[in-house]
Amino acid sequence: MIKFKVPATSANVGPGFDCFGLAYSFYNEYQVEKADKMLIEGCDPAHTTKDNIFNVAFNETMKKLKKKGSFHVYYKPAIPSSRGLGSSASVIVAGCKTANILYGGIKKLSDDEIFQIASKIEGHPDNVAPAIFGGLTASTKLNSGKFFHKKYKVSNKLYFSVLIPNFKTSTEMARKLLPKSYKKEEAVAMLSHSVLMVEALQSGNFDLLKTVCKDYIHEPYRKKLIKDYDYIKKTVEKNGDAVLLISGSGPTLLVISNNKNFSKKLKLKGTKALWLVKPLKVLK
């Protein structure tokens, strides 16, 4: 039996809507081996049918490999589902990797080939890219139909935490809240903020980060789905040493700070929901 893990991710990272992604030291773990028929253990029985996304990803990768076979996987989920931490991307990438590891032989697919398959299944590459390549990624779909990514290093001067609530939200519902058009001024601001956000994360320039992390495209609308959002934002940002962003479509919130002890001192009292404060490292 072969073991591997796939990390949790945050898409968007403020102004990088449907483009940026971060990978963390927080993983789903998988133990896989060849089998005569599909067997999935360790997760909700509702996710063990033939149309589950792990099996879909496995079969798509097997088509690319031009191989036949099946698998037995024991799944150890740690990434909570429907929380904005890339749980579905993790499972898709794991399905692709399982086929590649077990049946790729000497002609294993490259990470980029896995990226193409997984992004197509997921429908967008913003979580898939960091799940495969780590770190901070920017990704998009080219006119050719292929997916492209670029990886960036994140400064050691910055510290990351996620605030995970005890409730879920739907990505579909979060997308429905977004307007069909935006003001020109908002679009211009987003262009500049997204470019400079990469610079801020790479350099660790926290003063710059505090300015350019502001989003106009999705966060003002999606925050309505997140209990305690305004209170938590005020609490996180009151001392000027941290900023609050929505992780993916939420409801998990992402905190970036220049204070390595920030997560230890953060106290969320009187919230409507229960929130887990989890400090994480961005993968290199």
C-alpha atoms as a PDB file:
ATOM      1  CA  MET A   1       0.000   0.000   0.000  1.00  0.00           C
ATOM      2  CA  ILE A   2       1.319   3.437  -1.000  1.00  0.00           C
ATOM      3  CA  LYS A   3       0.738   6.537   1.118  1.00  0.00           C
ATOM      4  CA  PHE A   4       0.592  10.170   0.002  1.00  0.00           C
ATOM      5  CA  LYS A   5      -1.136  13.406   1.001  1.00  0.00           C
ATOM      6  CA  VAL A   6      -2.710  16.422  -0.722  1.00  0.00           C
ATOM      7  CA  PRO A   7      -2.849  19.853   0.954  1.00  0.00           C
ATOM      8  CA  ALA A   8      -5.656  22.199   1.820  1.00  0.00           C
ATOM      9  CA  THR A   9      -5.809  25.373  -0.248  1.00  0.00           C
ATOM     10  CA  SER A  10      -7.294  28.855  -0.215  1.00  0.00           C
ATOM     11  CA  ALA A  11      -8.456  30.247  -3.544  1.00  0.00           C
ATOM     12  CA  ASN A  12      -8.731  33.953  -4.442  1.00  0.00           C
ATOM     13  CA  VAL A  13      -6.489  35.335  -1.633  1.00  0.00           C
ATOM     14  CA  GLY A  14      -8.251  38.697  -1.676  1.00  0.00           C
ATOM     15  CA  PRO A  15      -8.062  40.393  -5.090  1.00  0.00           C
ATOM     16  CA  GLY A  16      -6.993  37.304  -7.059  1.00  0.00           C
ATOM     17  CA  PHE A  17     -10.542  36.157  -7.790  1.00  0.00           C
ATOM     18  CA  ASP A  18     -10.606  32.752  -9.538  1.00  0.00           C
ATOM     19  CA  CYS A  19      -6.848  33.111 -10.101  1.00  0.00           C
ATOM     20  CA  PHE A  20      -4.706  33.013  -6.929  1.00  0.00           C
ATOM     21  CA  GLY A  21      -4.334  30.056  -4.604  1.00  0.00           C
ATOM     22  CA  LEU A  22      -2.312  29.156  -1.501  1.00  0.00           C
ATOM     23  CA  ALA A  23      -1.351  25.655  -0.322  1.00  0.00           C
ATOM     24  CA  TYR A  24      -0.960  24.906   3.390  1.00  0.00           C
ATOM     25  CA  SER A  25       0.664  22.390   5.697  1.00  0.00           C
ATOM     26  CA  PHE A  26      -2.724  20.786   6.326  1.00  0.00           C
ATOM     27  CA  TYR A  27      -3.551  17.606   4.459  1.00  0.00           C
ATOM     28  CA  ASN A  28      -5.929  14.859   3.477  1.00  0.00           C
ATOM     29  CA  GLU A  29      -4.044  11.556   3.598  1.00  0.00           C
ATOM     30  CA  TYR A  30      -4.519   8.594   1.264  1.00  0.00           C
ATOM     31  CA  GLN A  31      -3.372   4.981   1.317  1.00  0.00           C
ATOM     32  CA  VAL A  32      -3.825   3.295  -2.060  1.00  0.00           C
ATOM     33  CA  GLU A  33      -3.208  -0.033  -3.732  1.00  0.00           C
ATOM     34  CA  LYS A  34      -4.252  -1.860  -6.892  1.00  0.00           C
ATOM     35  CA  ALA A  35      -7.520  -3.794  -6.731  1.00  0.00           C
ATOM     36  CA  ASP A  36      -9.907  -5.714  -8.969  1.00  0.00           C
ATOM     37  CA  LYS A  37     -12.738  -3.321  -8.169  1.00  0.00           C
ATOM     38  CA  MET A  38     -13.170   0.108  -6.597  1.00  0.00           C
ATOM     39  CA  LEU A  39     -13.167   0.229  -2.808  1.00  0.00           C
ATOM     40  CA  ILE A  40     -13.183   3.492  -0.854  1.00  0.00           C
ATOM     41  CA  GLU A  41     -12.910   3.451   2.922  1.00  0.00           C
ATOM     42  CA  GLY A  42     -12.642   6.116   5.584  1.00  0.00           C
ATOM     43  CA  CYS A  43     -15.257   8.591   4.372  1.00  0.00           C
ATOM     44  CA  ASP A  44     -19.032   9.076   4.277  1.00  0.00           C
ATOM     45  CA  PRO A  45     -20.653   6.111   2.442  1.00  0.00           C
ATOM     46  CA  ALA A  46     -22.465   8.665   0.248  1.00  0.00           C
ATOM     47  CA  HIS A  47     -19.061   9.476  -1.296  1.00  0.00           C
ATOM     48  CA  THR A  48     -18.179   5.904  -2.228  1.00  0.00           C
ATOM     49  CA  THR A  49     -20.389   5.459  -5.289  1.00  0.00           C
ATOM     50  CA  LYS A  50     -18.934   5.122  -8.786  1.00  0.00           C
ATOM     51  CA  ASP A  51     -19.717   8.746  -9.644  1.00  0.00           C
ATOM     52  CA  ASN A  52     -17.691  10.161  -6.733  1.00  0.00           C
ATOM     53  CA  ILE A  53     -15.043  12.688  -7.804  1.00  0.00           C
ATOM     54  CA  PHE A  54     -12.117  10.535  -6.660  1.00  0.00           C
ATOM     55  CA  ASN A  55     -13.208   7.755  -8.996  1.00  0.00           C
ATOM     56  CA  VAL A  56     -13.970  10.207 -11.820  1.00  0.00           C
ATOM     57  CA  ALA A  57     -10.460  11.665 -11.526  1.00  0.00           C
ATOM     58  CA  PHE A  58      -8.935   8.186 -11.335  1.00  0.00           C
ATOM     59  CA  ASN A  59     -10.723   7.063 -14.504  1.00  0.00           C
ATOM     60  CA  GLU A  60      -9.854  10.227 -16.456  1.00  0.00           C
ATOM     61  CA  THR A  61      -6.201   9.741 -15.585  1.00  0.00           C
ATOM     62  CA  MET A  62      -6.355   6.062 -16.559  1.00  0.00           C
ATOM     63  CA  LYS A  63      -7.696   7.123 -19.979  1.00  0.00           C
ATOM     64  CA  LYS A  64      -4.709   9.421 -20.389  1.00  0.00           C
ATOM     65  CA  LEU A  65      -2.379   6.587 -19.351  1.00  0.00           C
ATOM     66  CA  LYS A  66      -4.242   4.172 -21.666  1.00  0.00           C
ATOM     67  CA  LYS A  67      -4.412   1.658 -18.833  1.00  0.00           C
ATOM     68  CA  LYS A  68      -7.131  -0.433 -17.183  1.00  0.00           C
ATOM     69  CA  GLY A  69      -7.450  -1.268 -13.530  1.00  0.00           C
ATOM     70  CA  SER A  70      -9.062  -0.239 -10.263  1.00  0.00           C
ATOM     71  CA  PHE A  71      -8.047   0.724  -6.747  1.00  0.00           C
ATOM     72  CA  HIS A  72      -8.541   0.346  -3.028  1.00  0.00           C
ATOM     73  CA  VAL A  73      -8.145   3.610  -1.122  1.00  0.00           C
ATOM     74  CA  TYR A  74      -8.259   4.279   2.593  1.00  0.00           C
ATOM     75  CA  TYR A  75      -9.020   7.961   2.933  1.00  0.00           C
ATOM     76  CA  LYS A  76      -8.101   9.995   6.041  1.00  0.00           C
ATOM     77  CA  PRO A  77      -9.942  13.308   5.613  1.00  0.00           C
ATOM     78  CA  ALA A  78      -8.715  16.300   7.599  1.00  0.00           C
ATOM     79  CA  ILE A  79      -9.800  19.130   5.305  1.00  0.00           C
ATOM     80  CA  PRO A  80     -13.432  19.974   6.144  1.00  0.00           C
ATOM     81  CA  SER A  81     -15.819  19.949   3.186  1.00  0.00           C
ATOM     82  CA  SER A  82     -17.789  22.988   1.969  1.00  0.00           C
ATOM     83  CA  ARG A  83     -15.605  25.361   3.993  1.00  0.00           C
ATOM     84  CA  GLY A  84     -13.537  27.093   1.298  1.00  0.00           C
ATOM     85  CA  LEU A  85     -10.381  25.049   1.855  1.00  0.00           C
ATOM     86  CA  GLY A  86     -10.242  23.145  -1.421  1.00  0.00           C
ATOM     87  CA  SER A  87     -11.539  19.814  -0.165  1.00  0.00           C
ATOM     88  CA  SER A  88     -12.956  18.822  -3.564  1.00  0.00           C
ATOM     89  CA  ALA A  89      -9.739  19.842  -5.346  1.00  0.00           C
ATOM     90  CA  SER A  90      -7.776  17.702  -2.882  1.00  0.00           C
ATOM     91  CA  VAL A  91      -9.900  14.643  -3.659  1.00  0.00           C
ATOM     92  CA  ILE A  92      -9.682  15.199  -7.427  1.00  0.00           C
ATOM     93  CA  VAL A  93      -5.896  15.582  -7.309  1.00  0.00           C
ATOM     94  CA  ALA A  94      -5.716  12.453  -5.129  1.00  0.00           C
ATOM     95  CA  GLY A  95      -7.739  10.439  -7.660  1.00  0.00           C
ATOM     96  CA  CYS A  96      -5.412  11.530 -10.451  1.00  0.00           C
ATOM     97  CA  LYS A  97      -2.310  10.752  -8.391  1.00  0.00           C
ATOM     98  CA  THR A  98      -3.634   7.333  -7.433  1.00  0.00           C
ATOM     99  CA  ALA A  99      -3.939   6.269 -11.064  1.00  0.00           C
ATOM    100  CA  ASN A 100      -0.544   7.751 -11.884  1.00  0.00           C
ATOM    101  CA  ILE A 101       1.221   6.127  -8.924  1.00  0.00           C
ATOM    102  CA  LEU A 102      -0.366   2.684  -9.275  1.00  0.00           C
ATOM    103  CA  TYR A 103      -0.489   2.348 -13.062  1.00  0.00           C
ATOM    104  CA  GLY A 104       1.849   4.985 -14.532  1.00  0.00           C
ATOM    105  CA  GLY A 105       4.883   2.719 -14.511  1.00  0.00           C
ATOM    106  CA  ILE A 106       7.905   4.219 -16.240  1.00  0.00           C
ATOM    107  CA  LYS A 107       5.636   6.538 -18.247  1.00  0.00           C
ATOM    108  CA  LYS A 108       4.089   8.411 -15.360  1.00  0.00           C
ATOM    109  CA  LEU A 109       2.304  11.639 -16.169  1.00  0.00           C
ATOM    110  CA  SER A 110       4.017  14.907 -15.278  1.00  0.00           C
ATOM    111  CA  ASP A 111       2.614  17.283 -12.662  1.00  0.00           C
ATOM    112  CA  ASP A 112       1.456  19.548 -15.484  1.00  0.00           C
ATOM    113  CA  GLU A 113      -0.459  16.683 -17.121  1.00  0.00           C
ATOM    114  CA  ILE A 114      -2.121  15.928 -13.774  1.00  0.00           C
ATOM    115  CA  PHE A 115      -2.874  19.651 -13.478  1.00  0.00           C
ATOM    116  CA  GLN A 116      -4.639  19.652 -16.858  1.00  0.00           C
ATOM    117  CA  ILE A 117      -6.831  16.662 -15.974  1.00  0.00           C
ATOM    118  CA  ALA A 118      -7.687  17.854 -12.460  1.00  0.00           C
ATOM    119  CA  SER A 119      -8.453  21.436 -13.563  1.00  0.00           C
ATOM    120  CA  LYS A 120     -10.796  20.203 -16.274  1.00  0.00           C
ATOM    121  CA  ILE A 121     -12.710  18.068 -13.770  1.00  0.00           C
ATOM    122  CA  GLU A 122     -12.827  20.833 -11.142  1.00  0.00           C
ATOM    123  CA  GLY A 123     -13.801  23.402 -13.788  1.00  0.00           C
ATOM    124  CA  HIS A 124     -11.280  25.985 -12.584  1.00  0.00           C
ATOM    125  CA  PRO A 125      -7.601  25.768 -11.604  1.00  0.00           C
ATOM    126  CA  ASP A 126      -7.322  28.115  -8.605  1.00  0.00           C
ATOM    127  CA  ASN A 127      -7.426  25.354  -5.953  1.00  0.00           C
ATOM    128  CA  VAL A 128      -5.965  22.579  -8.093  1.00  0.00           C
ATOM    129  CA  ALA A 129      -2.781  24.510  -8.931  1.00  0.00           C
ATOM    130  CA  PRO A 130      -1.580  25.042  -5.333  1.00  0.00           C
ATOM    131  CA  ALA A 131      -2.738  21.538  -4.369  1.00  0.00           C
ATOM    132  CA  ILE A 132      -0.305  20.124  -6.938  1.00  0.00           C
ATOM    133  CA  PHE A 133       2.526  22.660  -7.029  1.00  0.00           C
ATOM    134  CA  GLY A 134       2.394  24.155  -3.516  1.00  0.00           C
ATOM    135  CA  GLY A 135       3.056  27.731  -2.472  1.00  0.00           C
ATOM    136  CA  LEU A 136       1.283  30.705  -3.992  1.00  0.00           C
ATOM    137  CA  THR A 137       0.023  30.131  -7.519  1.00  0.00           C
ATOM    138  CA  ALA A 138      -1.659  32.209 -10.178  1.00  0.00           C
ATOM    139  CA  SER A 139      -3.538  30.184 -12.787  1.00  0.00           C
ATOM    140  CA  THR A 140      -5.887  30.579 -15.710  1.00  0.00           C
ATOM    141  CA  LYS A 141      -7.397  28.825 -18.722  1.00  0.00           C
ATOM    142  CA  LEU A 142      -5.766  29.782 -22.018  1.00  0.00           C
ATOM    143  CA  ASN A 143      -7.580  30.301 -25.328  1.00  0.00           C
ATOM    144  CA  SER A 144      -6.180  26.952 -26.431  1.00  0.00           C
ATOM    145  CA  GLY A 145      -8.206  25.267 -23.702  1.00  0.00           C
ATOM    146  CA  LYS A 146      -5.099  24.342 -21.696  1.00  0.00           C
ATOM    147  CA  PHE A 147      -4.584  25.519 -18.145  1.00  0.00           C
ATOM    148  CA  PHE A 148      -1.559  27.581 -17.146  1.00  0.00           C
ATOM    149  CA  HIS A 149      -0.034  28.292 -13.740  1.00  0.00           C
ATOM    150  CA  LYS A 150       2.832  30.271 -12.255  1.00  0.00           C
ATOM    151  CA  LYS A 151       4.233  29.586  -8.785  1.00  0.00           C
ATOM    152  CA  TYR A 152       5.611  32.251  -6.450  1.00  0.00           C
ATOM    153  CA  LYS A 153       7.498  32.089  -3.168  1.00  0.00           C
ATOM    154  CA  VAL A 154       5.872  33.586  -0.072  1.00  0.00           C
ATOM    155  CA  SER A 155       7.929  35.629   2.381  1.00  0.00           C
ATOM    156  CA  ASN A 156       8.844  34.159   5.769  1.00  0.00           C
ATOM    157  CA  LYS A 157       7.927  37.549   7.266  1.00  0.00           C
ATOM    158  CA  LEU A 158       4.246  36.711   6.926  1.00  0.00           C
ATOM    159  CA  TYR A 159       2.228  34.339   9.116  1.00  0.00           C
ATOM    160  CA  PHE A 160      -0.989  32.593   8.117  1.00  0.00           C
ATOM    161  CA  SER A 161      -3.984  31.262  10.019  1.00  0.00           C
ATOM    162  CA  VAL A 162      -7.391  30.031   8.984  1.00  0.00           C
ATOM    163  CA  LEU A 163     -10.541  30.483  11.032  1.00  0.00           C
ATOM    164  CA  ILE A 164     -12.778  27.478  10.388  1.00  0.00           C
ATOM    165  CA  PRO A 165     -16.433  27.689  11.493  1.00  0.00           C
ATOM    166  CA  ASN A 166     -18.828  24.911  12.436  1.00  0.00           C
ATOM    167  CA  PHE A 167     -21.135  25.653   9.486  1.00  0.00           C
ATOM    168  CA  LYS A 168     -20.906  25.205   5.727  1.00  0.00           C
ATOM    169  CA  THR A 169     -21.698  27.353   2.709  1.00  0.00           C
ATOM    170  CA  SER A 170     -22.337  26.430  -0.903  1.00  0.00           C
ATOM    171  CA  THR A 171     -19.955  27.585  -3.644  1.00  0.00           C
ATOM    172  CA  GLU A 172     -22.940  27.713  -5.974  1.00  0.00           C
ATOM    173  CA  MET A 173     -24.820  30.000  -3.621  1.00  0.00           C
ATOM    174  CA  ALA A 174     -21.734  32.181  -3.128  1.00  0.00           C
ATOM    175  CA  ARG A 175     -21.407  32.620  -6.895  1.00  0.00           C
ATOM    176  CA  LYS A 176     -25.061  33.573  -7.260  1.00  0.00           C
ATOM    177  CA  LEU A 177     -24.503  36.533  -4.945  1.00  0.00           C
ATOM    178  CA  LEU A 178     -21.995  38.135  -7.322  1.00  0.00           C
ATOM    179  CA  PRO A 179     -23.225  40.951  -9.588  1.00  0.00           C
ATOM    180  CA  LYS A 180     -23.202  40.588 -13.360  1.00  0.00           C
ATOM    181  CA  SER A 181     -21.238  43.809 -13.855  1.00  0.00           C
ATOM    182  CA  TYR A 182     -18.868  46.062 -11.924  1.00  0.00           C
ATOM    183  CA  LYS A 183     -17.904  49.720 -11.994  1.00  0.00           C
ATOM    184  CA  LYS A 184     -14.867  50.640 -14.074  1.00  0.00           C
ATOM    185  CA  GLU A 185     -13.160  52.062 -10.971  1.00  0.00           C
ATOM    186  CA  GLU A 186     -13.560  48.732  -9.189  1.00  0.00           C
ATOM    187  CA  ALA A 187     -12.111  46.812 -12.136  1.00  0.00           C
ATOM    188  CA  VAL A 188      -9.093  49.130 -12.319  1.00  0.00           C
ATOM    189  CA  ALA A 189      -8.510  48.797  -8.571  1.00  0.00           C
ATOM    190  CA  MET A 190      -8.662  45.016  -8.812  1.00  0.00           C
ATOM    191  CA  LEU A 191      -6.093  44.942 -11.604  1.00  0.00           C
ATOM    192  CA  SER A 192      -3.598  46.965  -9.605  1.00  0.00           C
ATOM    193  CA  HIS A 193      -4.341  45.188  -6.335  1.00  0.00           C
ATOM    194  CA  SER A 194      -3.904  41.703  -7.801  1.00  0.00           C
ATOM    195  CA  VAL A 195      -0.512  42.528  -9.348  1.00  0.00           C
ATOM    196  CA  LEU A 196       0.750  44.195  -6.188  1.00  0.00           C
ATOM    197  CA  MET A 197      -0.676  41.457  -3.947  1.00  0.00           C
ATOM    198  CA  VAL A 198       1.842  39.058  -5.475  1.00  0.00           C
ATOM    199  CA  GLU A 199       4.625  41.553  -4.757  1.00  0.00           C
ATOM    200  CA  ALA A 200       3.450  42.020  -1.162  1.00  0.00           C
ATOM    201  CA  LEU A 201       3.294  38.276  -0.494  1.00  0.00           C
ATOM    202  CA  GLN A 202       6.698  37.665  -2.051  1.00  0.00           C
ATOM    203  CA  SER A 203       8.468  40.560  -0.343  1.00  0.00           C
ATOM    204  CA  GLY A 204       6.640  40.434   2.970  1.00  0.00           C
ATOM    205  CA  ASN A 205       5.829  44.148   2.694  1.00  0.00           C
ATOM    206  CA  PHE A 206       2.960  44.201   5.161  1.00  0.00           C
ATOM    207  CA  ASP A 207       2.109  47.886   4.707  1.00  0.00           C
ATOM    208  CA  LEU A 208       1.609  47.236   1.006  1.00  0.00           C
ATOM    209  CA  LEU A 209      -0.328  44.055   1.760  1.00  0.00           C
ATOM    210  CA  LYS A 210      -2.795  45.915   3.986  1.00  0.00           C
ATOM    211  CA  THR A 211      -3.682  48.212   1.098  1.00  0.00           C
ATOM    212  CA  VAL A 212      -3.753  45.840  -1.864  1.00  0.00           C
ATOM    213  CA  CYS A 213      -5.514  42.885  -0.182  1.00  0.00           C
ATOM    214  CA  LYS A 214      -8.804  44.782  -0.477  1.00  0.00           C
ATOM    215  CA  ASP A 215     -11.191  43.056  -2.850  1.00  0.00           C
ATOM    216  CA  TYR A 216     -14.110  44.582  -4.761  1.00  0.00           C
ATOM    217  CA  ILE A 217     -15.268  41.572  -6.799  1.00  0.00           C
ATOM    218  CA  HIS A 218     -16.426  38.871  -4.392  1.00  0.00           C
ATOM    219  CA  GLU A 219     -15.802  39.550  -0.692  1.00  0.00           C
ATOM    220  CA  PRO A 220     -18.305  42.448  -0.282  1.00  0.00           C
ATOM    221  CA  TYR A 221     -21.049  40.088  -1.475  1.00  0.00           C
ATOM    222  CA  ARG A 222     -19.977  36.740  -0.056  1.00  0.00           C
ATOM    223  CA  LYS A 223     -19.465  38.049   3.455  1.00  0.00           C
ATOM    224  CA  LYS A 224     -23.256  38.084   3.778  1.00  0.00           C
ATOM    225  CA  LEU A 225     -23.177  34.275   3.994  1.00  0.00           C
ATOM    226  CA  ILE A 226     -20.652  34.263   6.833  1.00  0.00           C
ATOM    227  CA  LYS A 227     -21.910  34.587  10.387  1.00  0.00           C
ATOM    228  CA  ASP A 228     -19.826  36.906  12.596  1.00  0.00           C
ATOM    229  CA  TYR A 229     -17.893  38.289   9.599  1.00  0.00           C
ATOM    230  CA  ASP A 230     -18.001  41.976  10.573  1.00  0.00           C
ATOM    231  CA  TYR A 231     -17.211  41.244  14.216  1.00  0.00           C
ATOM    232  CA  ILE A 232     -14.290  38.970  13.349  1.00  0.00           C
ATOM    233  CA  LYS A 233     -12.877  41.433  10.811  1.00  0.00           C
ATOM    234  CA  LYS A 234     -12.955  44.209  13.385  1.00  0.00           C
ATOM    235  CA  THR A 235     -11.363  41.955  16.020  1.00  0.00           C
ATOM    236  CA  VAL A 236      -8.615  40.677  13.706  1.00  0.00           C
ATOM    237  CA  GLU A 237      -7.647  44.050  12.276  1.00  0.00           C
ATOM    238  CA  LYS A 238      -7.975  46.280  15.354  1.00  0.00           C
ATOM    239  CA  ASN A 239      -4.220  46.292  16.187  1.00  0.00           C
ATOM    240  CA  GLY A 240      -3.044  46.804  12.614  1.00  0.00           C
ATOM    241  CA  ASP A 241      -0.894  43.667  12.539  1.00  0.00           C
ATOM    242  CA  ALA A 242      -3.254  41.395  10.582  1.00  0.00           C
ATOM    243  CA  VAL A 243      -5.692  41.385   7.673  1.00  0.00           C
ATOM    244  CA  LEU A 244      -8.762  39.216   7.133  1.00  0.00           C
ATOM    245  CA  LEU A 245      -9.729  37.622   3.807  1.00  0.00           C
ATOM    246  CA  ILE A 246     -12.313  35.037   2.772  1.00  0.00           C
ATOM    247  CA  SER A 247     -10.782  31.650   1.939  1.00  0.00           C
ATOM    248  CA  GLY A 248     -12.229  30.601  -1.404  1.00  0.00           C
ATOM    249  CA  SER A 249     -15.973  31.146  -1.350  1.00  0.00           C
ATOM    250  CA  GLY A 250     -15.990  30.797   2.457  1.00  0.00           C
ATOM    251  CA  PRO A 251     -17.030  30.422   5.137  1.00  0.00           C
ATOM    252  CA  THR A 252     -13.456  29.807   6.333  1.00  0.00           C
ATOM    253  CA  LEU A 253     -11.581  33.071   6.852  1.00  0.00           C
ATOM    254  CA  LEU A 254      -7.884  33.605   6.118  1.00  0.00           C
ATOM    255  CA  VAL A 255      -5.718  35.766   8.381  1.00  0.00           C
ATOM    256  CA  ILE A 256      -2.335  37.096   7.243  1.00  0.00           C
ATOM    257  CA  SER A 257      -0.181  38.783   9.897  1.00  0.00           C
ATOM    258  CA  ASN A 258       3.320  40.129  10.441  1.00  0.00           C
ATOM    259  CA  ASN A 259       3.143  38.907  14.042  1.00  0.00           C
ATOM    260  CA  LYS A 260       4.128  35.263  14.477  1.00  0.00           C
ATOM    261  CA  ASN A 261       2.169  35.048  17.749  1.00  0.00           C
ATOM    262  CA  PHE A 262      -1.032  36.495  16.322  1.00  0.00           C
ATOM    263  CA  SER A 263      -3.022  33.247  16.250  1.00  0.00           C
ATOM    264  CA  LYS A 264      -2.196  32.581  19.911  1.00  0.00           C
ATOM    265  CA  LYS A 265      -3.463  35.938  21.104  1.00  0.00           C
ATOM    266  CA  LEU A 266      -6.598  36.059  18.920  1.00  0.00           C
ATOM    267  CA  LYS A 267      -9.687  35.676  21.087  1.00  0.00           C
ATOM    268  CA  LEU A 268     -13.100  35.346  19.475  1.00  0.00           C
ATOM    269  CA  LYS A 269     -15.700  35.767  22.204  1.00  0.00           C
ATOM    270  CA  GLY A 270     -19.424  36.152  21.814  1.00  0.00           C
ATOM    271  CA  THR A 271     -19.631  34.821  18.251  1.00  0.00           C
ATOM    272  CA  LYS A 272     -22.792  33.184  16.952  1.00  0.00           C
ATOM    273  CA  ALA A 273     -20.839  30.262  15.505  1.00  0.00           C
ATOM    274  CA  LEU A 274     -17.928  28.223  16.851  1.00  0.00           C
ATOM    275  CA  TRP A 275     -14.612  29.084  15.188  1.00  0.00           C
ATOM    276  CA  LEU A 276     -11.406  27.038  15.171  1.00  0.00           C
ATOM    277  CA  VAL A 277      -8.264  29.174  14.904  1.00  0.00           C
ATOM    278  CA  LYS A 278      -5.657  27.119  13.036  1.00  0.00           C
ATOM    279  CA  PRO A 279      -2.149  28.513  12.347  1.00  0.00           C
ATOM    280  CA  LEU A 280      -0.668  27.104   9.144  1.00  0.00           C
ATOM    281  CA  LYS A 281       2.489  27.319   7.075  1.00  0.00           C
ATOM    282  CA  VAL A 282       2.357  28.012   3.348  1.00  0.00           C
ATOM    283  CA  LEU A 283       4.039  25.178   1.487  1.00  0.00           C
ATOM    284  CA  LYS A 284       7.228  26.013  -0.377  1.00  0.00           C
END
